N, C-alpha and C. Protein backbone atom coordinates (compact mmCIF):
# COMPACT_ATOMS: atom_id res chain seq x y z
N UNK A 1 108.43 110.41 175.98
CA UNK A 1 107.25 110.54 175.83
C UNK A 1 107.36 111.80 175.72
N UNK A 2 108.43 113.07 176.60
CA UNK A 2 108.01 114.27 177.24
C UNK A 2 108.56 114.68 175.64
N UNK A 3 109.16 114.14 174.95
CA UNK A 3 109.72 114.64 173.71
C UNK A 3 108.35 114.74 172.40
N UNK A 4 107.83 113.50 172.94
CA UNK A 4 106.47 113.22 172.11
C UNK A 4 105.54 114.34 172.70
N UNK A 5 105.38 114.69 173.59
CA UNK A 5 104.83 115.53 174.14
C UNK A 5 105.02 117.13 173.57
N UNK A 6 106.16 117.36 173.37
CA UNK A 6 106.06 118.83 172.71
C UNK A 6 106.19 119.13 171.84
N UNK A 7 106.26 117.97 170.60
CA UNK A 7 105.63 118.05 169.26
C UNK A 7 104.56 118.03 169.25
N UNK A 8 104.37 119.92 168.49
CA UNK A 8 102.71 119.56 167.91
C UNK A 8 101.64 118.93 167.22
N UNK A 9 100.11 118.62 167.82
CA UNK A 9 100.16 117.72 167.00
C UNK A 9 99.70 118.08 165.60
N UNK A 10 99.44 117.59 164.74
CA UNK A 10 99.28 118.07 163.13
C UNK A 10 97.88 118.31 163.24
N UNK A 11 97.31 119.64 162.39
CA UNK A 11 95.99 120.01 162.77
C UNK A 11 95.95 119.30 161.02
N UNK A 12 94.61 118.60 161.02
CA UNK A 12 93.43 118.27 160.27
C UNK A 12 93.80 119.05 159.04
N UNK A 13 94.02 117.91 158.02
CA UNK A 13 93.96 119.26 156.78
C UNK A 13 92.52 119.43 156.59
N UNK A 14 92.76 120.42 156.28
CA UNK A 14 91.66 120.88 155.46
C UNK A 14 90.56 120.84 154.17
N UNK A 15 89.83 120.86 154.67
CA UNK A 15 88.95 120.73 152.44
C UNK A 15 89.08 121.98 151.94
N UNK A 16 89.38 122.08 150.78
CA UNK A 16 89.30 123.31 149.81
C UNK A 16 88.06 123.97 149.78
N UNK A 17 88.10 124.89 150.32
CA UNK A 17 86.42 125.21 150.03
C UNK A 17 85.82 125.47 148.74
N UNK A 18 84.71 125.11 148.17
CA UNK A 18 84.24 125.44 147.47
C UNK A 18 83.82 125.92 146.85
N UNK A 19 84.47 126.94 145.17
CA UNK A 19 83.78 127.70 145.16
C UNK A 19 82.65 128.72 144.94
N UNK A 20 82.35 129.46 145.18
CA UNK A 20 80.90 130.11 145.43
C UNK A 20 80.12 129.95 143.96
N UNK A 21 78.52 129.63 144.31
CA UNK A 21 78.04 129.48 142.91
C UNK A 21 78.00 130.42 141.69
N UNK A 22 78.21 131.84 142.31
CA UNK A 22 78.11 133.03 141.23
C UNK A 22 79.44 132.91 140.47
N UNK A 23 80.71 132.79 141.97
CA UNK A 23 82.25 132.81 141.10
C UNK A 23 82.07 131.97 139.67
N UNK A 24 81.29 130.18 140.11
CA UNK A 24 81.68 129.29 139.15
C UNK A 24 80.55 129.83 137.61
N UNK A 25 79.93 130.40 138.15
CA UNK A 25 78.86 131.30 136.72
C UNK A 25 79.75 131.74 136.22
N UNK A 26 80.44 133.16 136.79
CA UNK A 26 81.28 133.82 135.93
C UNK A 26 82.24 133.76 135.29
N UNK A 27 82.64 132.56 136.12
CA UNK A 27 84.29 131.52 135.49
C UNK A 27 83.72 130.63 134.24
N UNK A 28 82.36 130.14 134.41
CA UNK A 28 81.81 129.49 133.27
C UNK A 28 81.68 130.24 132.05
N UNK A 29 80.62 131.48 132.20
CA UNK A 29 80.74 132.24 131.35
C UNK A 29 81.48 133.03 130.79
N UNK A 30 82.51 132.89 131.46
CA UNK A 30 83.95 133.63 130.74
C UNK A 30 84.64 132.63 129.89
N UNK A 31 84.96 131.31 130.33
CA UNK A 31 85.11 130.01 129.65
C UNK A 31 84.71 129.72 128.32
N UNK A 32 82.97 130.04 128.03
CA UNK A 32 82.34 129.74 127.57
C UNK A 32 82.38 130.79 126.12
N UNK A 33 82.12 132.10 126.62
CA UNK A 33 82.27 133.15 125.69
C UNK A 33 84.06 133.01 124.92
N UNK A 34 85.34 132.34 125.60
CA UNK A 34 86.31 132.38 125.26
C UNK A 34 86.47 131.29 123.94
N UNK A 35 85.98 129.93 124.38
CA UNK A 35 85.55 128.99 123.51
C UNK A 35 84.27 128.99 122.58
N UNK A 36 83.52 129.93 122.62
CA UNK A 36 82.79 130.77 121.47
C UNK A 36 83.63 131.06 120.45
N UNK A 37 84.33 132.18 120.74
CA UNK A 37 85.32 132.91 120.19
C UNK A 37 86.82 132.03 119.51
N UNK A 38 86.86 131.02 119.95
CA UNK A 38 88.20 129.77 119.33
C UNK A 38 87.45 129.26 118.72
N UNK A 39 85.80 128.69 118.60
CA UNK A 39 85.29 128.62 117.87
C UNK A 39 84.93 128.90 116.49
N UNK A 40 84.30 129.89 116.41
CA UNK A 40 84.52 130.60 115.58
C UNK A 40 85.81 131.45 114.65
N UNK A 41 87.06 131.24 115.63
CA UNK A 41 88.53 131.27 114.44
C UNK A 41 88.71 130.06 114.17
N UNK A 42 87.99 129.13 114.35
CA UNK A 42 88.40 127.54 114.09
C UNK A 42 87.44 127.65 112.61
N UNK A 43 86.59 128.08 112.85
CA UNK A 43 85.27 127.43 111.24
C UNK A 43 86.10 128.56 110.69
N UNK A 44 86.36 130.02 110.80
CA UNK A 44 86.97 130.77 109.70
C UNK A 44 88.37 130.18 108.99
N UNK A 45 89.15 129.51 109.94
CA UNK A 45 90.01 129.05 109.17
C UNK A 45 90.14 127.61 108.44
N UNK A 46 88.82 127.10 108.96
CA UNK A 46 88.37 126.22 108.13
C UNK A 46 87.57 125.98 106.23
N UNK A 47 87.13 127.39 106.36
CA UNK A 47 86.83 127.67 105.55
C UNK A 47 87.82 128.35 104.63
N UNK A 48 88.93 128.83 105.66
CA UNK A 48 90.45 129.50 104.43
C UNK A 48 91.02 127.87 103.63
N UNK A 49 91.26 126.94 104.83
CA UNK A 49 91.33 125.97 104.52
C UNK A 49 90.87 125.32 103.09
N UNK A 50 89.38 125.65 103.23
CA UNK A 50 88.76 124.88 101.70
C UNK A 50 88.95 125.68 100.74
N UNK A 51 88.81 126.79 100.58
CA UNK A 51 89.90 127.84 99.69
C UNK A 51 91.08 127.55 99.30
N UNK A 52 91.81 126.98 100.08
CA UNK A 52 93.18 127.20 99.72
C UNK A 52 93.43 125.81 99.32
N UNK A 53 92.81 124.40 99.43
CA UNK A 53 92.62 123.44 98.68
C UNK A 53 92.41 123.69 97.12
N UNK A 54 91.25 124.20 97.24
CA UNK A 54 90.74 124.63 95.71
C UNK A 54 92.23 125.31 95.15
N UNK A 55 92.63 126.12 95.70
CA UNK A 55 93.26 127.36 94.88
C UNK A 55 95.12 126.13 94.56
N UNK A 56 95.01 125.08 95.16
CA UNK A 56 96.04 124.14 95.23
C UNK A 56 96.00 123.14 94.52
N UNK A 57 94.77 122.59 94.34
CA UNK A 57 94.21 121.87 93.08
C UNK A 57 94.25 122.27 91.93
N UNK A 58 94.08 123.76 91.76
CA UNK A 58 93.82 124.75 90.35
C UNK A 58 95.48 124.87 89.97
N UNK A 59 96.49 125.35 90.72
CA UNK A 59 97.43 125.43 90.53
C UNK A 59 98.47 124.26 90.23
N UNK A 60 98.19 123.08 91.14
CA UNK A 60 98.79 121.92 90.30
C UNK A 60 98.70 121.57 89.15
N UNK A 61 96.79 121.78 88.94
CA UNK A 61 96.73 121.66 87.55
C UNK A 61 97.58 122.13 86.54
N UNK A 62 97.31 124.01 87.08
CA UNK A 62 98.42 124.34 86.00
C UNK A 62 99.52 123.90 85.52
N UNK A 63 100.33 123.53 86.98
CA UNK A 63 101.92 123.31 86.63
C UNK A 63 102.18 122.06 85.85
N UNK A 64 100.81 121.11 86.00
CA UNK A 64 101.07 119.91 85.29
C UNK A 64 100.66 120.27 83.93
N UNK A 65 100.05 121.05 83.30
CA UNK A 65 99.73 121.89 81.99
C UNK A 65 100.92 122.41 81.41
N UNK A 66 101.46 123.34 82.10
CA UNK A 66 102.43 124.02 81.87
C UNK A 66 103.75 122.77 81.43
N UNK A 67 103.55 122.41 82.48
CA UNK A 67 104.88 121.03 82.01
C UNK A 67 104.83 120.25 80.59
N UNK A 68 103.77 120.07 80.56
CA UNK A 68 103.38 119.27 79.63
C UNK A 68 103.89 120.16 77.90
N UNK A 69 103.37 121.50 78.54
CA UNK A 69 103.22 122.23 77.04
C UNK A 69 105.03 122.34 76.84
N UNK A 70 105.80 122.68 77.93
CA UNK A 70 107.37 122.63 77.82
C UNK A 70 107.83 121.31 77.10
N UNK A 71 107.36 120.38 77.72
CA UNK A 71 107.65 118.92 77.34
C UNK A 71 107.82 118.95 75.60
N UNK A 72 106.06 119.34 75.22
CA UNK A 72 106.07 119.26 74.15
C UNK A 72 107.15 120.18 72.96
N UNK A 73 107.14 121.43 73.37
CA UNK A 73 108.03 122.18 72.84
C UNK A 73 109.32 121.87 72.92
N UNK A 74 110.28 121.10 73.79
CA UNK A 74 111.63 120.85 73.70
C UNK A 74 111.51 119.69 72.77
N UNK A 75 110.14 118.82 72.75
CA UNK A 75 110.48 117.75 71.50
C UNK A 75 110.46 118.01 70.12
N UNK A 76 109.93 119.40 69.88
CA UNK A 76 109.46 120.03 68.39
C UNK A 76 110.98 120.90 68.35
N UNK A 77 111.41 121.75 69.12
CA UNK A 77 112.92 122.19 69.29
C UNK A 77 113.79 121.11 69.01
N UNK A 78 114.09 119.81 69.53
CA UNK A 78 114.76 119.23 69.43
C UNK A 78 114.90 118.67 68.03
N UNK A 79 113.64 118.29 67.56
CA UNK A 79 113.33 117.95 66.03
C UNK A 79 114.26 118.61 65.17
N UNK A 80 113.66 120.35 65.50
CA UNK A 80 114.67 120.96 64.01
C UNK A 80 115.55 121.07 64.45
N UNK A 81 116.05 120.99 65.51
CA UNK A 81 117.55 120.86 65.82
C UNK A 81 118.76 119.49 65.33
N UNK A 82 117.69 118.56 65.70
CA UNK A 82 118.39 117.44 64.90
C UNK A 82 118.28 117.54 63.08
N UNK A 83 117.04 117.79 62.77
CA UNK A 83 117.27 117.63 61.56
C UNK A 83 118.38 118.89 60.94
N UNK A 84 118.64 120.13 61.46
CA UNK A 84 119.24 121.10 61.09
C UNK A 84 121.00 120.53 61.06
N UNK A 85 121.25 119.36 62.20
CA UNK A 85 122.38 119.02 61.72
C UNK A 85 122.58 117.82 61.01
N UNK A 86 121.26 117.42 60.69
CA UNK A 86 121.57 116.09 59.45
C UNK A 86 121.59 116.93 57.88
N UNK A 87 121.64 118.22 58.22
CA UNK A 87 121.23 118.89 57.07
C UNK A 87 122.78 119.04 56.49
N UNK A 88 123.66 119.23 57.68
CA UNK A 88 125.37 119.28 57.37
C UNK A 88 125.50 120.63 57.60
N UNK A 89 127.13 120.20 58.13
CA UNK A 89 127.88 122.03 58.37
C UNK A 89 128.56 122.61 57.42
N UNK A 90 127.92 122.37 56.29
CA UNK A 90 129.18 123.31 55.39
C UNK A 90 128.54 124.74 55.09
N UNK A 91 129.02 125.36 54.68
CA UNK A 91 129.42 127.17 54.71
C UNK A 91 128.48 126.90 53.83
N UNK A 92 127.16 127.79 53.83
CA UNK A 92 126.55 128.14 52.45
C UNK A 92 127.20 128.41 51.17
N UNK A 93 127.82 129.64 51.17
CA UNK A 93 128.36 129.84 50.33
C UNK A 93 129.24 129.28 49.34
N UNK A 94 129.93 127.89 49.99
CA UNK A 94 131.00 127.00 49.52
C UNK A 94 129.61 126.20 48.99
N UNK A 95 129.06 125.90 49.34
CA UNK A 95 127.22 125.02 49.19
C UNK A 95 126.77 125.53 47.86
N UNK A 96 127.15 127.03 47.31
CA UNK A 96 126.14 127.51 46.65
C UNK A 96 127.45 127.34 45.15
N UNK A 97 128.60 127.67 45.29
CA UNK A 97 129.66 127.35 44.71
C UNK A 97 129.65 125.86 44.14
N UNK A 98 129.25 125.13 44.92
CA UNK A 98 129.43 123.35 44.38
C UNK A 98 128.47 122.67 43.68
N UNK A 99 127.62 123.71 44.00
CA UNK A 99 125.97 122.87 43.59
C UNK A 99 125.63 123.53 42.22
N UNK A 100 124.98 122.13 41.40
CA UNK A 100 124.83 122.29 39.75
C UNK A 100 123.65 122.98 39.22
N UNK A 101 122.64 123.28 40.59
CA UNK A 101 121.68 124.09 40.31
C UNK A 101 121.01 124.91 41.25
N UNK A 102 121.69 126.07 40.90
CA UNK A 102 121.73 126.98 42.08
C UNK A 102 121.00 127.61 42.69
N UNK A 103 119.66 127.21 41.28
CA UNK A 103 118.27 127.62 41.41
C UNK A 103 117.63 127.34 42.36
N UNK A 104 117.65 125.72 42.53
CA UNK A 104 117.55 124.55 43.63
C UNK A 104 117.94 125.04 45.10
N UNK A 105 119.43 125.13 44.94
CA UNK A 105 119.96 125.82 46.23
C UNK A 105 119.42 126.87 46.71
N UNK A 106 119.27 128.19 45.71
CA UNK A 106 118.55 129.05 46.52
C UNK A 106 117.05 129.07 47.71
N UNK A 107 115.98 128.19 46.89
CA UNK A 107 114.78 128.11 46.99
C UNK A 107 115.35 126.72 47.91
N UNK A 108 116.13 125.69 48.06
CA UNK A 108 116.40 125.43 49.41
C UNK A 108 117.21 125.94 50.90
N UNK A 109 117.44 126.69 50.35
CA UNK A 109 118.49 128.20 51.29
C UNK A 109 117.53 128.88 52.07
N UNK A 110 116.43 129.33 51.33
CA UNK A 110 114.76 129.86 51.55
C UNK A 110 114.60 129.43 52.41
N UNK A 111 113.63 127.93 52.12
CA UNK A 111 113.23 127.36 52.92
C UNK A 111 113.88 126.85 54.56
N UNK A 112 115.31 126.55 54.66
CA UNK A 112 116.02 126.90 55.74
C UNK A 112 116.47 128.11 56.43
N UNK A 113 116.01 128.96 55.82
CA UNK A 113 115.66 130.46 56.46
C UNK A 113 114.73 130.25 57.36
N UNK A 114 113.65 130.21 56.72
CA UNK A 114 112.38 130.31 57.10
C UNK A 114 112.14 129.59 58.42
N UNK A 115 112.83 128.18 58.17
CA UNK A 115 112.97 127.16 59.22
C UNK A 115 113.58 127.48 60.58
N UNK A 116 114.79 128.33 60.09
CA UNK A 116 116.16 128.97 61.08
C UNK A 116 114.45 130.17 61.89
N UNK A 117 113.65 130.87 61.64
CA UNK A 117 112.80 131.77 61.86
C UNK A 117 112.20 130.90 63.04
N UNK A 118 111.93 130.02 62.15
CA UNK A 118 110.33 129.35 63.16
C UNK A 118 111.02 128.65 64.51
N UNK A 119 112.29 128.01 64.26
CA UNK A 119 112.71 127.97 65.34
C UNK A 119 113.42 129.04 66.34
N UNK A 120 113.65 129.99 65.69
CA UNK A 120 114.03 131.01 66.43
C UNK A 120 112.61 131.18 67.88
N UNK A 121 111.56 131.31 66.85
CA UNK A 121 110.17 131.73 67.51
C UNK A 121 109.98 130.52 68.77
N UNK A 122 110.10 129.33 67.68
CA UNK A 122 109.71 128.50 68.84
C UNK A 122 110.48 128.07 70.36
N UNK A 123 111.71 128.75 70.05
CA UNK A 123 112.30 128.98 71.21
C UNK A 123 112.40 129.90 72.19
N UNK A 124 111.59 130.56 71.47
CA UNK A 124 111.36 132.05 72.30
C UNK A 124 110.06 131.68 73.33
N UNK A 125 109.04 130.93 72.24
CA UNK A 125 108.22 130.21 73.06
C UNK A 125 108.22 129.22 74.90
N UNK A 126 109.21 128.30 73.96
CA UNK A 126 109.92 127.57 74.86
C UNK A 126 110.17 128.14 76.40
N UNK A 127 110.90 129.54 75.98
CA UNK A 127 111.35 130.18 76.66
C UNK A 127 110.29 130.90 77.64
N UNK A 128 109.49 131.34 77.01
CA UNK A 128 107.96 131.27 77.82
C UNK A 128 107.42 130.63 78.84
N UNK A 129 107.44 129.66 78.06
CA UNK A 129 106.40 128.63 78.81
C UNK A 129 107.57 127.91 79.97
N UNK A 130 108.72 128.00 79.86
CA UNK A 130 109.19 127.69 81.32
C UNK A 130 109.13 128.87 82.02
N UNK A 131 109.31 130.00 81.73
CA UNK A 131 109.07 131.32 82.81
C UNK A 131 107.72 130.83 83.33
N UNK A 132 106.82 130.20 82.68
CA UNK A 132 105.20 130.29 82.89
C UNK A 132 105.22 128.93 84.33
N UNK A 133 106.15 128.28 83.77
CA UNK A 133 106.20 126.86 84.82
C UNK A 133 106.54 127.31 86.21
N UNK A 134 107.74 128.23 85.74
CA UNK A 134 108.40 128.22 86.65
C UNK A 134 107.17 129.33 87.75
N UNK A 135 106.67 129.88 87.34
CA UNK A 135 105.70 130.54 88.28
C UNK A 135 104.85 130.10 88.54
N UNK A 136 104.01 129.53 87.97
CA UNK A 136 102.66 127.82 88.47
C UNK A 136 103.94 127.49 89.62
N UNK A 137 104.59 127.11 89.39
CA UNK A 137 105.55 125.84 90.63
C UNK A 137 105.00 127.19 91.73
N UNK A 138 106.03 128.39 91.74
CA UNK A 138 105.65 129.09 92.62
C UNK A 138 104.72 129.57 93.34
N UNK A 139 103.70 129.83 92.32
CA UNK A 139 102.45 129.94 93.01
C UNK A 139 101.78 128.60 93.80
N UNK A 140 102.20 127.25 93.10
CA UNK A 140 101.38 126.29 93.84
C UNK A 140 102.33 125.98 95.17
N UNK A 141 103.36 126.49 95.42
CA UNK A 141 103.72 126.15 96.66
C UNK A 141 103.58 127.09 97.73
N UNK A 142 103.59 128.54 97.10
CA UNK A 142 103.21 129.10 98.21
C UNK A 142 101.47 128.55 98.61
N UNK A 143 100.58 128.53 97.50
CA UNK A 143 99.93 128.46 98.51
C UNK A 143 99.45 127.06 99.26
N UNK A 144 100.45 126.63 99.10
CA UNK A 144 100.64 124.95 99.67
C UNK A 144 101.61 125.22 101.48
N UNK A 145 102.09 126.38 101.39
CA UNK A 145 102.69 127.12 102.40
C UNK A 145 101.47 128.09 103.31
N UNK A 146 100.49 128.28 102.84
CA UNK A 146 99.19 129.16 103.17
C UNK A 146 98.06 127.75 103.97
N UNK A 147 98.26 126.81 102.89
CA UNK A 147 97.32 126.02 102.95
C UNK A 147 97.79 125.03 104.75
N UNK A 148 99.07 124.76 104.88
CA UNK A 148 99.89 124.62 105.88
C UNK A 148 99.32 125.20 107.13
N UNK A 149 99.88 126.93 106.78
CA UNK A 149 99.71 127.65 108.16
C UNK A 149 98.17 127.40 108.43
N UNK A 150 97.00 127.54 107.56
CA UNK A 150 95.74 127.12 107.85
C UNK A 150 95.34 126.18 108.64
N UNK A 151 96.01 125.11 108.35
CA UNK A 151 95.98 124.03 108.96
C UNK A 151 96.31 124.07 110.67
N UNK A 152 97.59 124.71 110.87
CA UNK A 152 98.41 124.22 111.75
C UNK A 152 97.28 125.82 112.78
N UNK A 153 96.99 126.55 111.96
CA UNK A 153 95.72 127.48 112.88
C UNK A 153 94.37 127.15 113.47
N UNK A 154 93.81 125.72 112.39
CA UNK A 154 92.91 124.83 112.47
C UNK A 154 93.65 124.27 114.40
N UNK A 155 94.35 123.62 114.06
CA UNK A 155 94.82 123.10 115.11
C UNK A 155 94.90 123.53 116.85
N UNK A 156 95.74 124.65 116.56
CA UNK A 156 95.80 125.29 117.34
C UNK A 156 94.61 126.13 118.16
N UNK A 157 93.24 126.21 117.41
CA UNK A 157 92.00 126.86 117.62
C UNK A 157 91.08 125.97 118.26
N UNK A 158 91.86 124.34 117.57
CA UNK A 158 90.88 123.49 118.57
C UNK A 158 91.24 122.89 119.53
N UNK A 159 92.43 123.14 119.87
CA UNK A 159 93.25 122.62 121.27
C UNK A 159 92.61 124.20 122.37
N UNK A 160 92.50 125.27 121.67
CA UNK A 160 92.04 126.49 122.55
C UNK A 160 90.74 126.36 122.94
N UNK A 161 89.79 125.02 121.70
CA UNK A 161 88.45 125.03 122.18
C UNK A 161 88.05 124.46 123.52
N UNK A 162 89.42 123.09 123.21
CA UNK A 162 89.43 121.65 124.13
C UNK A 162 89.43 122.20 125.09
N UNK A 163 90.88 123.31 125.67
CA UNK A 163 91.58 123.72 127.00
C UNK A 163 90.09 124.31 127.47
N UNK A 164 89.65 125.47 126.73
CA UNK A 164 88.47 126.01 127.60
C UNK A 164 87.35 125.44 127.73
N UNK A 165 86.53 124.40 127.06
CA UNK A 165 85.91 123.82 127.43
C UNK A 165 86.22 122.36 128.72
N UNK A 166 87.52 122.24 128.60
CA UNK A 166 88.35 121.39 129.70
C UNK A 166 88.10 121.85 131.15
N UNK A 167 88.43 123.17 131.31
CA UNK A 167 88.49 124.19 132.23
C UNK A 167 87.06 124.66 132.95
N UNK A 168 86.42 124.26 131.98
CA UNK A 168 84.67 124.62 131.99
C UNK A 168 84.43 123.25 132.91
N UNK A 169 84.42 122.36 132.71
CA UNK A 169 84.12 121.21 133.09
C UNK A 169 84.67 120.93 134.41
N UNK A 170 86.26 121.18 134.59
CA UNK A 170 86.75 121.30 136.25
C UNK A 170 86.12 122.26 136.68
N UNK A 171 85.91 123.60 136.70
CA UNK A 171 85.47 124.73 137.44
C UNK A 171 83.84 124.32 137.62
N UNK A 172 83.27 123.24 136.98
CA UNK A 172 81.55 122.85 137.03
C UNK A 172 81.31 121.64 138.15
N UNK A 173 82.47 120.81 137.78
CA UNK A 173 82.78 119.48 139.06
C UNK A 173 83.21 119.93 140.55
N UNK A 174 83.72 121.23 140.61
CA UNK A 174 83.67 121.37 141.75
C UNK A 174 83.04 122.24 142.78
N UNK A 175 82.10 121.93 142.44
CA UNK A 175 81.13 122.19 142.72
C UNK A 175 80.23 121.09 143.76
N UNK A 176 79.55 121.21 144.65
CA UNK A 176 79.06 119.55 144.99
C UNK A 176 77.75 119.53 144.24
N UNK A 177 77.26 118.48 144.18
CA UNK A 177 76.22 118.30 143.14
C UNK A 177 75.00 118.47 142.93
N UNK A 178 74.50 119.08 144.18
CA UNK A 178 73.48 119.79 143.77
C UNK A 178 73.46 121.67 143.67
N UNK A 179 74.71 121.89 143.83
CA UNK A 179 74.99 123.19 143.06
C UNK A 179 75.21 123.00 142.11
N UNK A 180 76.09 122.12 141.73
CA UNK A 180 76.04 121.75 140.11
C UNK A 180 75.40 121.89 138.80
N UNK A 181 74.00 121.41 139.50
CA UNK A 181 72.51 120.96 138.62
C UNK A 181 72.20 122.60 138.58
N UNK A 182 72.28 123.17 139.92
CA UNK A 182 71.55 124.25 139.68
C UNK A 182 72.72 125.38 138.46
N UNK A 183 73.94 125.03 139.00
CA UNK A 183 74.54 126.29 137.99
C UNK A 183 74.15 125.41 136.15
N UNK A 184 74.18 124.28 136.19
CA UNK A 184 73.99 124.15 135.06
C UNK A 184 72.42 124.32 134.39
N UNK A 185 71.68 124.53 135.34
CA UNK A 185 70.37 124.86 135.07
C UNK A 185 70.12 126.71 134.64
N UNK A 186 71.18 126.83 135.07
CA UNK A 186 71.02 128.60 134.95
C UNK A 186 70.57 129.08 136.31
N UNK A 187 70.56 128.14 137.40
CA UNK A 187 70.08 128.97 138.59
C UNK A 187 71.15 129.79 139.64
């Protein structure tokens, strides 16, 4: 009994003091202002995302069109190469010597030379089309990256708004009911 008497009695837990109505009002004003700024940033990010979606759609369409052009050109160049291969690999000077109609051979050679120039021009256009395709793909990838970053910004701004509003709600809920109503009413 003497040992128990020596131990001081535990003091009853004091209730946490309620914040002052003015402190709550000031805190709420600050939190609502921060939430408003975060909401504006969210809206701007959302507008930027809308524009980027249009850019991505256009870039994707450009890539598809460029790929179609490249495929068509590859087919044409392949056909020319196959035709040239089928015409044989005899040296032109030897073919001229062996032909019975040199006049006809020369006109045919001129036609083949013209086809060769066309093939070279077609190859040049194919190379350019492939360069444009690569550039379009790069632009589409960059637009997609920008869109993803904007989506991340939107999510971050949304979390900020939600956190500020939750903090404001907690601050308001810390007041007794009568004072809470007075703060909500702006008194």
